[in-house]
Amino acid sequence: MESRLEARIGKLHFTGRYHKPPKKVSEDYVITDKVLGCGFNGAVKMATSKSSNSVGDKFAIKAFRISGISREQRRLLEQEVEIFLAADHPHITRLFHVYEGDGQLVMVMECM
């Protein structure tokens, strides 16, 4: 069943920044043991980029467990992440990349 928003504006696609297996977060980022904070879904850790144009840049990594959630909950989560990827405002933390796999959704965000 299509949401009202999708019906009005269509489905957003960010495949360039929403990665599915076999692509892994560890291919692009080095996740450190430094904990930036803790939330309902666990620790937010610091990471650095492996990319040649941003090597050493710092990012915040947050993982959500997605194994065991319903198809509808997963669809809603993907939809929310796609909206977050599209957001570009100085008062909103930027979401750079999303990696799906191993029963979790890993978000690579601006390190504040």
C-alpha atoms as a PDB file:
ATOM      1  CA  MET A   1       0.000   0.000   0.000  1.00  0.00           C
ATOM      2  CA  GLU A   2       1.476   3.311  -1.083  1.00  0.00           C
ATOM      3  CA  SER A   3       1.691   6.146   1.432  1.00  0.00           C
ATOM      4  CA  ARG A   4      -0.065   9.457   0.806  1.00  0.00           C
ATOM      5  CA  LEU A   5       3.279  11.218   0.533  1.00  0.00           C
ATOM      6  CA  GLU A   6       4.556   8.707  -2.044  1.00  0.00           C
ATOM      7  CA  ALA A   7       1.318   9.081  -3.968  1.00  0.00           C
ATOM      8  CA  ARG A   8       1.803  12.871  -4.104  1.00  0.00           C
ATOM      9  CA  ILE A   9       5.525  13.195  -4.829  1.00  0.00           C
ATOM     10  CA  GLY A  10       6.690   9.699  -5.763  1.00  0.00           C
ATOM     11  CA  LYS A  11       9.294   7.469  -4.146  1.00  0.00           C
ATOM     12  CA  LEU A  12      12.658   8.998  -3.352  1.00  0.00           C
ATOM     13  CA  HIS A  13      15.743   7.002  -4.366  1.00  0.00           C
ATOM     14  CA  PHE A  14      19.226   7.565  -2.973  1.00  0.00           C
ATOM     15  CA  THR A  15      20.997   4.420  -4.150  1.00  0.00           C
ATOM     16  CA  GLY A  16      24.287   6.285  -4.346  1.00  0.00           C
ATOM     17  CA  ARG A  17      24.263   6.756  -0.567  1.00  0.00           C
ATOM     18  CA  TYR A  18      21.986   3.892   0.546  1.00  0.00           C
ATOM     19  CA  HIS A  19      24.163   0.794   0.313  1.00  0.00           C
ATOM     20  CA  LYS A  20      22.943  -2.798   0.382  1.00  0.00           C
ATOM     21  CA  PRO A  21      25.005  -6.021   0.587  1.00  0.00           C
ATOM     22  CA  PRO A  22      27.618  -6.887  -0.443  1.00  0.00           C
ATOM     23  CA  LYS A  23      28.787  -3.285   0.246  1.00  0.00           C
ATOM     24  CA  LYS A  24      29.873  -2.842   3.895  1.00  0.00           C
ATOM     25  CA  VAL A  25      30.538   0.224   6.040  1.00  0.00           C
ATOM     26  CA  SER A  26      34.024  -1.136   6.820  1.00  0.00           C
ATOM     27  CA  GLU A  27      34.988  -0.662   3.152  1.00  0.00           C
ATOM     28  CA  ASP A  28      34.623   3.123   3.468  1.00  0.00           C
ATOM     29  CA  TYR A  29      35.109   3.911   7.183  1.00  0.00           C
ATOM     30  CA  VAL A  30      37.297   2.886  10.114  1.00  0.00           C
ATOM     31  CA  ILE A  31      35.052   2.619  13.176  1.00  0.00           C
ATOM     32  CA  THR A  32      36.880   3.415  16.407  1.00  0.00           C
ATOM     33  CA  ASP A  33      36.097   2.312  19.966  1.00  0.00           C
ATOM     34  CA  LYS A  34      35.443   5.923  21.003  1.00  0.00           C
ATOM     35  CA  VAL A  35      31.812   6.254  22.127  1.00  0.00           C
ATOM     36  CA  LEU A  36      30.276   9.641  21.364  1.00  0.00           C
ATOM     37  CA  GLY A  37      27.037   8.876  23.178  1.00  0.00           C
ATOM     38  CA  CYS A  38      24.495   6.183  23.944  1.00  0.00           C
ATOM     39  CA  GLY A  39      20.867   5.937  22.995  1.00  0.00           C
ATOM     40  CA  PHE A  40      17.990   3.493  22.899  1.00  0.00           C
ATOM     41  CA  ASN A  41      19.637   1.455  20.128  1.00  0.00           C
ATOM     42  CA  GLY A  42      23.117   1.415  21.617  1.00  0.00           C
ATOM     43  CA  ALA A  43      26.329   3.375  21.343  1.00  0.00           C
ATOM     44  CA  VAL A  44      27.137   6.013  18.744  1.00  0.00           C
ATOM     45  CA  LYS A  45      30.782   5.560  17.788  1.00  0.00           C
ATOM     46  CA  MET A  46      33.321   7.749  16.050  1.00  0.00           C
ATOM     47  CA  ALA A  47      34.656   6.748  12.643  1.00  0.00           C
ATOM     48  CA  THR A  48      37.113   8.138  10.130  1.00  0.00           C
ATOM     49  CA  SER A  49      36.806   8.086   6.368  1.00  0.00           C
ATOM     50  CA  LYS A  50      38.993   5.940   4.116  1.00  0.00           C
ATOM     51  CA  SER A  51      38.029   8.008   1.056  1.00  0.00           C
ATOM     52  CA  SER A  52      40.977   9.764  -0.611  1.00  0.00           C
ATOM     53  CA  ASN A  53      39.154  13.111  -0.773  1.00  0.00           C
ATOM     54  CA  SER A  54      38.134  13.070   2.908  1.00  0.00           C
ATOM     55  CA  VAL A  55      40.705  10.791   4.550  1.00  0.00           C
ATOM     56  CA  GLY A  56      40.744  11.268   8.308  1.00  0.00           C
ATOM     57  CA  ASP A  57      37.475  13.212   8.413  1.00  0.00           C
ATOM     58  CA  LYS A  58      35.452  12.286  11.499  1.00  0.00           C
ATOM     59  CA  PHE A  59      31.921  10.881  11.410  1.00  0.00           C
ATOM     60  CA  ALA A  60      29.388   9.482  13.888  1.00  0.00           C
ATOM     61  CA  ILE A  61      28.211   5.896  13.324  1.00  0.00           C
ATOM     62  CA  LYS A  62      24.835   4.761  14.630  1.00  0.00           C
ATOM     63  CA  ALA A  63      23.448   1.249  14.098  1.00  0.00           C
ATOM     64  CA  PHE A  64      19.834   0.073  14.303  1.00  0.00           C
ATOM     65  CA  ARG A  65      18.847  -3.574  14.626  1.00  0.00           C
ATOM     66  CA  ILE A  66      16.473  -4.460  11.787  1.00  0.00           C
ATOM     67  CA  SER A  67      16.336  -8.241  12.100  1.00  0.00           C
ATOM     68  CA  GLY A  68      12.953  -9.385  13.317  1.00  0.00           C
ATOM     69  CA  ILE A  69      11.006  -6.264  12.337  1.00  0.00           C
ATOM     70  CA  SER A  70       7.965  -6.550  10.111  1.00  0.00           C
ATOM     71  CA  ARG A  71       8.039  -5.771   6.403  1.00  0.00           C
ATOM     72  CA  GLU A  72       5.890  -2.678   7.043  1.00  0.00           C
ATOM     73  CA  GLN A  73       8.207  -1.402   9.810  1.00  0.00           C
ATOM     74  CA  ARG A  74      11.196  -1.936   7.527  1.00  0.00           C
ATOM     75  CA  ARG A  75       9.498  -0.031   4.699  1.00  0.00           C
ATOM     76  CA  LEU A  76       8.736   2.864   7.050  1.00  0.00           C
ATOM     77  CA  LEU A  77      12.329   2.908   8.333  1.00  0.00           C
ATOM     78  CA  GLU A  78      13.714   2.951   4.782  1.00  0.00           C
ATOM     79  CA  GLN A  79      11.321   5.759   3.888  1.00  0.00           C
ATOM     80  CA  GLU A  80      12.387   7.806   6.920  1.00  0.00           C
ATOM     81  CA  VAL A  81      16.076   7.263   6.132  1.00  0.00           C
ATOM     82  CA  GLU A  82      15.550   8.377   2.529  1.00  0.00           C
ATOM     83  CA  ILE A  83      13.907  11.598   3.768  1.00  0.00           C
ATOM     84  CA  PHE A  84      16.818  12.130   6.182  1.00  0.00           C
ATOM     85  CA  LEU A  85      19.291  11.638   3.294  1.00  0.00           C
ATOM     86  CA  ALA A  86      17.482  14.382   1.365  1.00  0.00           C
ATOM     87  CA  ALA A  87      17.534  16.865   4.258  1.00  0.00           C
ATOM     88  CA  ASP A  88      20.048  19.670   3.891  1.00  0.00           C
ATOM     89  CA  HIS A  89      19.703  22.305   6.577  1.00  0.00           C
ATOM     90  CA  PRO A  90      22.302  23.910   8.862  1.00  0.00           C
ATOM     91  CA  HIS A  91      20.292  22.968  11.993  1.00  0.00           C
ATOM     92  CA  ILE A  92      19.916  19.277  11.091  1.00  0.00           C
ATOM     93  CA  THR A  93      22.745  16.772  11.448  1.00  0.00           C
ATOM     94  CA  ARG A  94      23.674  15.505   7.977  1.00  0.00           C
ATOM     95  CA  LEU A  95      23.295  11.853   7.095  1.00  0.00           C
ATOM     96  CA  PHE A  96      26.030  10.956   4.608  1.00  0.00           C
ATOM     97  CA  HIS A  97      25.597   7.226   3.984  1.00  0.00           C
ATOM     98  CA  VAL A  98      23.457   4.272   5.061  1.00  0.00           C
ATOM     99  CA  TYR A  99      24.628   0.656   4.974  1.00  0.00           C
ATOM    100  CA  GLU A 100      22.224  -2.259   5.287  1.00  0.00           C
ATOM    101  CA  GLY A 101      23.314  -5.769   6.230  1.00  0.00           C
ATOM    102  CA  ASP A 102      23.961  -8.318   8.970  1.00  0.00           C
ATOM    103  CA  GLY A 103      20.569  -7.611  10.532  1.00  0.00           C
ATOM    104  CA  GLN A 104      21.279  -3.926  11.045  1.00  0.00           C
ATOM    105  CA  LEU A 105      21.061  -0.538   9.403  1.00  0.00           C
ATOM    106  CA  VAL A 106      24.219   1.555   9.910  1.00  0.00           C
ATOM    107  CA  MET A 107      23.971   5.331   9.541  1.00  0.00           C
ATOM    108  CA  VAL A 108      27.057   7.474   8.882  1.00  0.00           C
ATOM    109  CA  MET A 109      26.314  10.968  10.183  1.00  0.00           C
ATOM    110  CA  GLU A 110      28.002  14.307  10.657  1.00  0.00           C
ATOM    111  CA  CYS A 111      30.116  14.275  13.821  1.00  0.00           C
ATOM    112  CA  MET A 112      28.982  17.212  15.977  1.00  0.00           C
END
